[in-house]
Amino acid sequence: MSLYQVQKLIYRLNRDPRTRQRYAEERDAVLGEYDLTPEEVVALVKPDIGLLYVLGVNGQLLMHFAALHRIDWPDYLERMRQGLKDHGPVREGVYAATGYEGVEAHDARLKTEREMR
């Protein structure tokens, strides 16, 4: 995976009006400037916030990328939750989950813990 390349592109889209304009006008050319996997390209183009989160994109970058696509805050959070359900735990980056039990198992464990109090 090329997490660095994904984050570099998202950073530029978030910060540089010229990159945003080029992305809108010649998306394939802009994407071709980065070493991206087919899965990353699909996630960026859609945009699939949940998959980008699972791929390991930093939340600060992802939050602004979502706003760029007019995704409001509650929907952004839900898309990340859904990404975990659809694609499993975060694979790379600072949010990578080791020993992650999955959303449903985690929710069930928390519910059981609350009930035992």
C-alpha atoms as a PDB file:
ATOM      1  CA  MET A   1       0.000   0.000   0.000  1.00  0.00           C
ATOM      2  CA  SER A   2       1.097   3.564  -0.608  1.00  0.00           C
ATOM      3  CA  LEU A   3      -0.355   5.370   2.400  1.00  0.00           C
ATOM      4  CA  TYR A   4       2.202   8.156   2.117  1.00  0.00           C
ATOM      5  CA  GLN A   5       1.148   8.851  -1.478  1.00  0.00           C
ATOM      6  CA  VAL A   6      -2.569   8.909  -0.572  1.00  0.00           C
ATOM      7  CA  GLN A   7      -1.940  11.297   2.293  1.00  0.00           C
ATOM      8  CA  LYS A   8       0.322  13.491   0.170  1.00  0.00           C
ATOM      9  CA  LEU A   9      -2.424  13.855  -2.450  1.00  0.00           C
ATOM     10  CA  ILE A  10      -5.118  14.524   0.148  1.00  0.00           C
ATOM     11  CA  TYR A  11      -2.889  17.111   1.838  1.00  0.00           C
ATOM     12  CA  ARG A  12      -2.427  18.921  -1.459  1.00  0.00           C
ATOM     13  CA  LEU A  13      -6.134  18.761  -2.264  1.00  0.00           C
ATOM     14  CA  ASN A  14      -6.903  20.193   1.163  1.00  0.00           C
ATOM     15  CA  ARG A  15      -4.357  23.011   0.958  1.00  0.00           C
ATOM     16  CA  ASP A  16      -3.751  23.943  -2.657  1.00  0.00           C
ATOM     17  CA  PRO A  17      -6.502  25.528  -4.789  1.00  0.00           C
ATOM     18  CA  ARG A  18      -4.580  24.761  -7.998  1.00  0.00           C
ATOM     19  CA  THR A  19      -4.401  21.053  -7.131  1.00  0.00           C
ATOM     20  CA  ARG A  20      -8.155  21.062  -6.408  1.00  0.00           C
ATOM     21  CA  GLN A  21      -8.845  22.740  -9.739  1.00  0.00           C
ATOM     22  CA  ARG A  22      -6.651  20.276 -11.618  1.00  0.00           C
ATOM     23  CA  TYR A  23      -8.289  17.361  -9.772  1.00  0.00           C
ATOM     24  CA  ALA A  24     -11.720  18.614 -10.855  1.00  0.00           C
ATOM     25  CA  GLU A  25     -10.649  19.139 -14.468  1.00  0.00           C
ATOM     26  CA  GLU A  26      -8.172  16.309 -15.052  1.00  0.00           C
ATOM     27  CA  ARG A  27      -8.575  13.851 -12.208  1.00  0.00           C
ATOM     28  CA  ASP A  28      -6.900  10.909 -13.936  1.00  0.00           C
ATOM     29  CA  ALA A  29      -3.791  12.972 -14.699  1.00  0.00           C
ATOM     30  CA  VAL A  30      -3.515  14.138 -11.091  1.00  0.00           C
ATOM     31  CA  LEU A  31      -4.039  10.623  -9.739  1.00  0.00           C
ATOM     32  CA  GLY A  32      -1.386   9.381 -12.162  1.00  0.00           C
ATOM     33  CA  GLU A  33       1.190  11.624 -10.483  1.00  0.00           C
ATOM     34  CA  TYR A  34       0.996   9.495  -7.334  1.00  0.00           C
ATOM     35  CA  ASP A  35       1.942   5.871  -6.777  1.00  0.00           C
ATOM     36  CA  LEU A  36      -1.533   4.628  -5.816  1.00  0.00           C
ATOM     37  CA  THR A  37      -3.082   1.181  -5.760  1.00  0.00           C
ATOM     38  CA  PRO A  38      -6.362   0.591  -7.620  1.00  0.00           C
ATOM     39  CA  GLU A  39      -8.134   0.321  -4.234  1.00  0.00           C
ATOM     40  CA  GLU A  40      -6.790   3.724  -3.195  1.00  0.00           C
ATOM     41  CA  VAL A  41      -7.857   5.326  -6.469  1.00  0.00           C
ATOM     42  CA  VAL A  42     -11.417   4.023  -6.059  1.00  0.00           C
ATOM     43  CA  ALA A  43     -11.529   5.219  -2.439  1.00  0.00           C
ATOM     44  CA  LEU A  44     -10.310   8.692  -3.391  1.00  0.00           C
ATOM     45  CA  VAL A  45     -12.608   9.136  -6.375  1.00  0.00           C
ATOM     46  CA  LYS A  46     -15.788   7.931  -4.677  1.00  0.00           C
ATOM     47  CA  PRO A  47     -14.815   9.351  -1.987  1.00  0.00           C
ATOM     48  CA  ASP A  48     -15.045   6.368   0.352  1.00  0.00           C
ATOM     49  CA  ILE A  49     -14.223   7.944   3.721  1.00  0.00           C
ATOM     50  CA  GLY A  50     -14.616   4.631   5.538  1.00  0.00           C
ATOM     51  CA  LEU A  51     -12.152   2.832   3.296  1.00  0.00           C
ATOM     52  CA  LEU A  52      -9.674   5.709   3.415  1.00  0.00           C
ATOM     53  CA  TYR A  53      -9.876   5.570   7.216  1.00  0.00           C
ATOM     54  CA  VAL A  54      -9.294   1.809   7.218  1.00  0.00           C
ATOM     55  CA  LEU A  55      -6.382   2.271   4.811  1.00  0.00           C
ATOM     56  CA  GLY A  56      -4.811   4.448   7.511  1.00  0.00           C
ATOM     57  CA  VAL A  57      -5.305   8.023   6.311  1.00  0.00           C
ATOM     58  CA  ASN A  58      -4.660  10.463   9.140  1.00  0.00           C
ATOM     59  CA  GLY A  59      -7.867  11.815  10.665  1.00  0.00           C
ATOM     60  CA  GLN A  60      -6.808  15.456  10.368  1.00  0.00           C
ATOM     61  CA  LEU A  61      -6.259  15.056   6.650  1.00  0.00           C
ATOM     62  CA  LEU A  62      -9.348  12.923   6.196  1.00  0.00           C
ATOM     63  CA  MET A  63     -11.591  15.360   8.071  1.00  0.00           C
ATOM     64  CA  HIS A  64     -10.692  18.205   5.707  1.00  0.00           C
ATOM     65  CA  PHE A  65     -10.924  15.932   2.656  1.00  0.00           C
ATOM     66  CA  ALA A  66     -14.461  15.016   3.752  1.00  0.00           C
ATOM     67  CA  ALA A  67     -15.345  18.684   4.194  1.00  0.00           C
ATOM     68  CA  LEU A  68     -13.959  19.376   0.724  1.00  0.00           C
ATOM     69  CA  HIS A  69     -16.542  16.860  -0.542  1.00  0.00           C
ATOM     70  CA  ARG A  70     -19.308  18.516   1.514  1.00  0.00           C
ATOM     71  CA  ILE A  71     -19.622  15.613   3.923  1.00  0.00           C
ATOM     72  CA  ASP A  72     -20.890  16.946   7.225  1.00  0.00           C
ATOM     73  CA  TRP A  73     -19.421  15.953  10.585  1.00  0.00           C
ATOM     74  CA  PRO A  74     -22.013  13.351  11.720  1.00  0.00           C
ATOM     75  CA  ASP A  75     -21.931  11.692   8.289  1.00  0.00           C
ATOM     76  CA  TYR A  76     -18.113  11.724   8.335  1.00  0.00           C
ATOM     77  CA  LEU A  77     -18.076   9.904  11.681  1.00  0.00           C
ATOM     78  CA  GLU A  78     -20.682   7.395  10.510  1.00  0.00           C
ATOM     79  CA  ARG A  79     -18.717   6.701   7.331  1.00  0.00           C
ATOM     80  CA  MET A  80     -15.641   5.888   9.418  1.00  0.00           C
ATOM     81  CA  ARG A  81     -17.695   3.530  11.614  1.00  0.00           C
ATOM     82  CA  GLN A  82     -19.173   1.901   8.533  1.00  0.00           C
ATOM     83  CA  GLY A  83     -15.699   1.561   7.064  1.00  0.00           C
ATOM     84  CA  LEU A  84     -14.677  -0.540  10.057  1.00  0.00           C
ATOM     85  CA  LYS A  85     -17.746  -2.735   9.603  1.00  0.00           C
ATOM     86  CA  ASP A  86     -17.242  -3.104   5.845  1.00  0.00           C
ATOM     87  CA  HIS A  87     -13.464  -3.362   5.622  1.00  0.00           C
ATOM     88  CA  GLY A  88     -12.233  -4.477   9.043  1.00  0.00           C
ATOM     89  CA  PRO A  89      -9.718  -2.803  11.314  1.00  0.00           C
ATOM     90  CA  VAL A  90      -7.433   0.046  10.311  1.00  0.00           C
ATOM     91  CA  ARG A  91      -4.570  -1.517   8.364  1.00  0.00           C
ATOM     92  CA  GLU A  92      -1.757   1.055   8.484  1.00  0.00           C
ATOM     93  CA  GLY A  93      -0.700   4.336  10.026  1.00  0.00           C
ATOM     94  CA  VAL A  94      -1.185   5.726  13.505  1.00  0.00           C
ATOM     95  CA  TYR A  95      -4.686   4.255  13.841  1.00  0.00           C
ATOM     96  CA  ALA A  96      -3.657   0.718  12.922  1.00  0.00           C
ATOM     97  CA  ALA A  97      -5.478  -1.731  15.154  1.00  0.00           C
ATOM     98  CA  THR A  98      -3.576  -4.625  16.609  1.00  0.00           C
ATOM     99  CA  GLY A  99      -5.653  -7.283  18.298  1.00  0.00           C
ATOM    100  CA  TYR A 100      -8.802  -5.501  17.161  1.00  0.00           C
ATOM    101  CA  GLU A 101     -11.928  -7.536  17.825  1.00  0.00           C
ATOM    102  CA  GLY A 102     -14.243  -5.832  15.346  1.00  0.00           C
ATOM    103  CA  VAL A 103     -17.034  -3.310  15.794  1.00  0.00           C
ATOM    104  CA  GLU A 104     -19.805  -5.726  16.781  1.00  0.00           C
ATOM    105  CA  ALA A 105     -17.668  -7.687  19.246  1.00  0.00           C
ATOM    106  CA  HIS A 106     -16.348  -4.459  20.746  1.00  0.00           C
ATOM    107  CA  ASP A 107     -19.874  -3.043  21.160  1.00  0.00           C
ATOM    108  CA  ALA A 108     -21.068  -6.301  22.771  1.00  0.00           C
ATOM    109  CA  ARG A 109     -18.122  -6.302  25.189  1.00  0.00           C
ATOM    110  CA  LEU A 110     -18.781  -2.691  26.205  1.00  0.00           C
ATOM    111  CA  LYS A 111     -22.478  -3.430  26.720  1.00  0.00           C
ATOM    112  CA  THR A 112     -21.657  -6.418  28.917  1.00  0.00           C
ATOM    113  CA  GLU A 113     -19.204  -4.327  30.947  1.00  0.00           C
ATOM    114  CA  ARG A 114     -21.847  -1.602  31.474  1.00  0.00           C
ATOM    115  CA  GLU A 115     -24.440  -4.148  32.561  1.00  0.00           C
ATOM    116  CA  MET A 116     -22.044  -5.631  35.107  1.00  0.00           C
ATOM    117  CA  ARG A 117     -21.617  -2.277  36.885  1.00  0.00           C
END
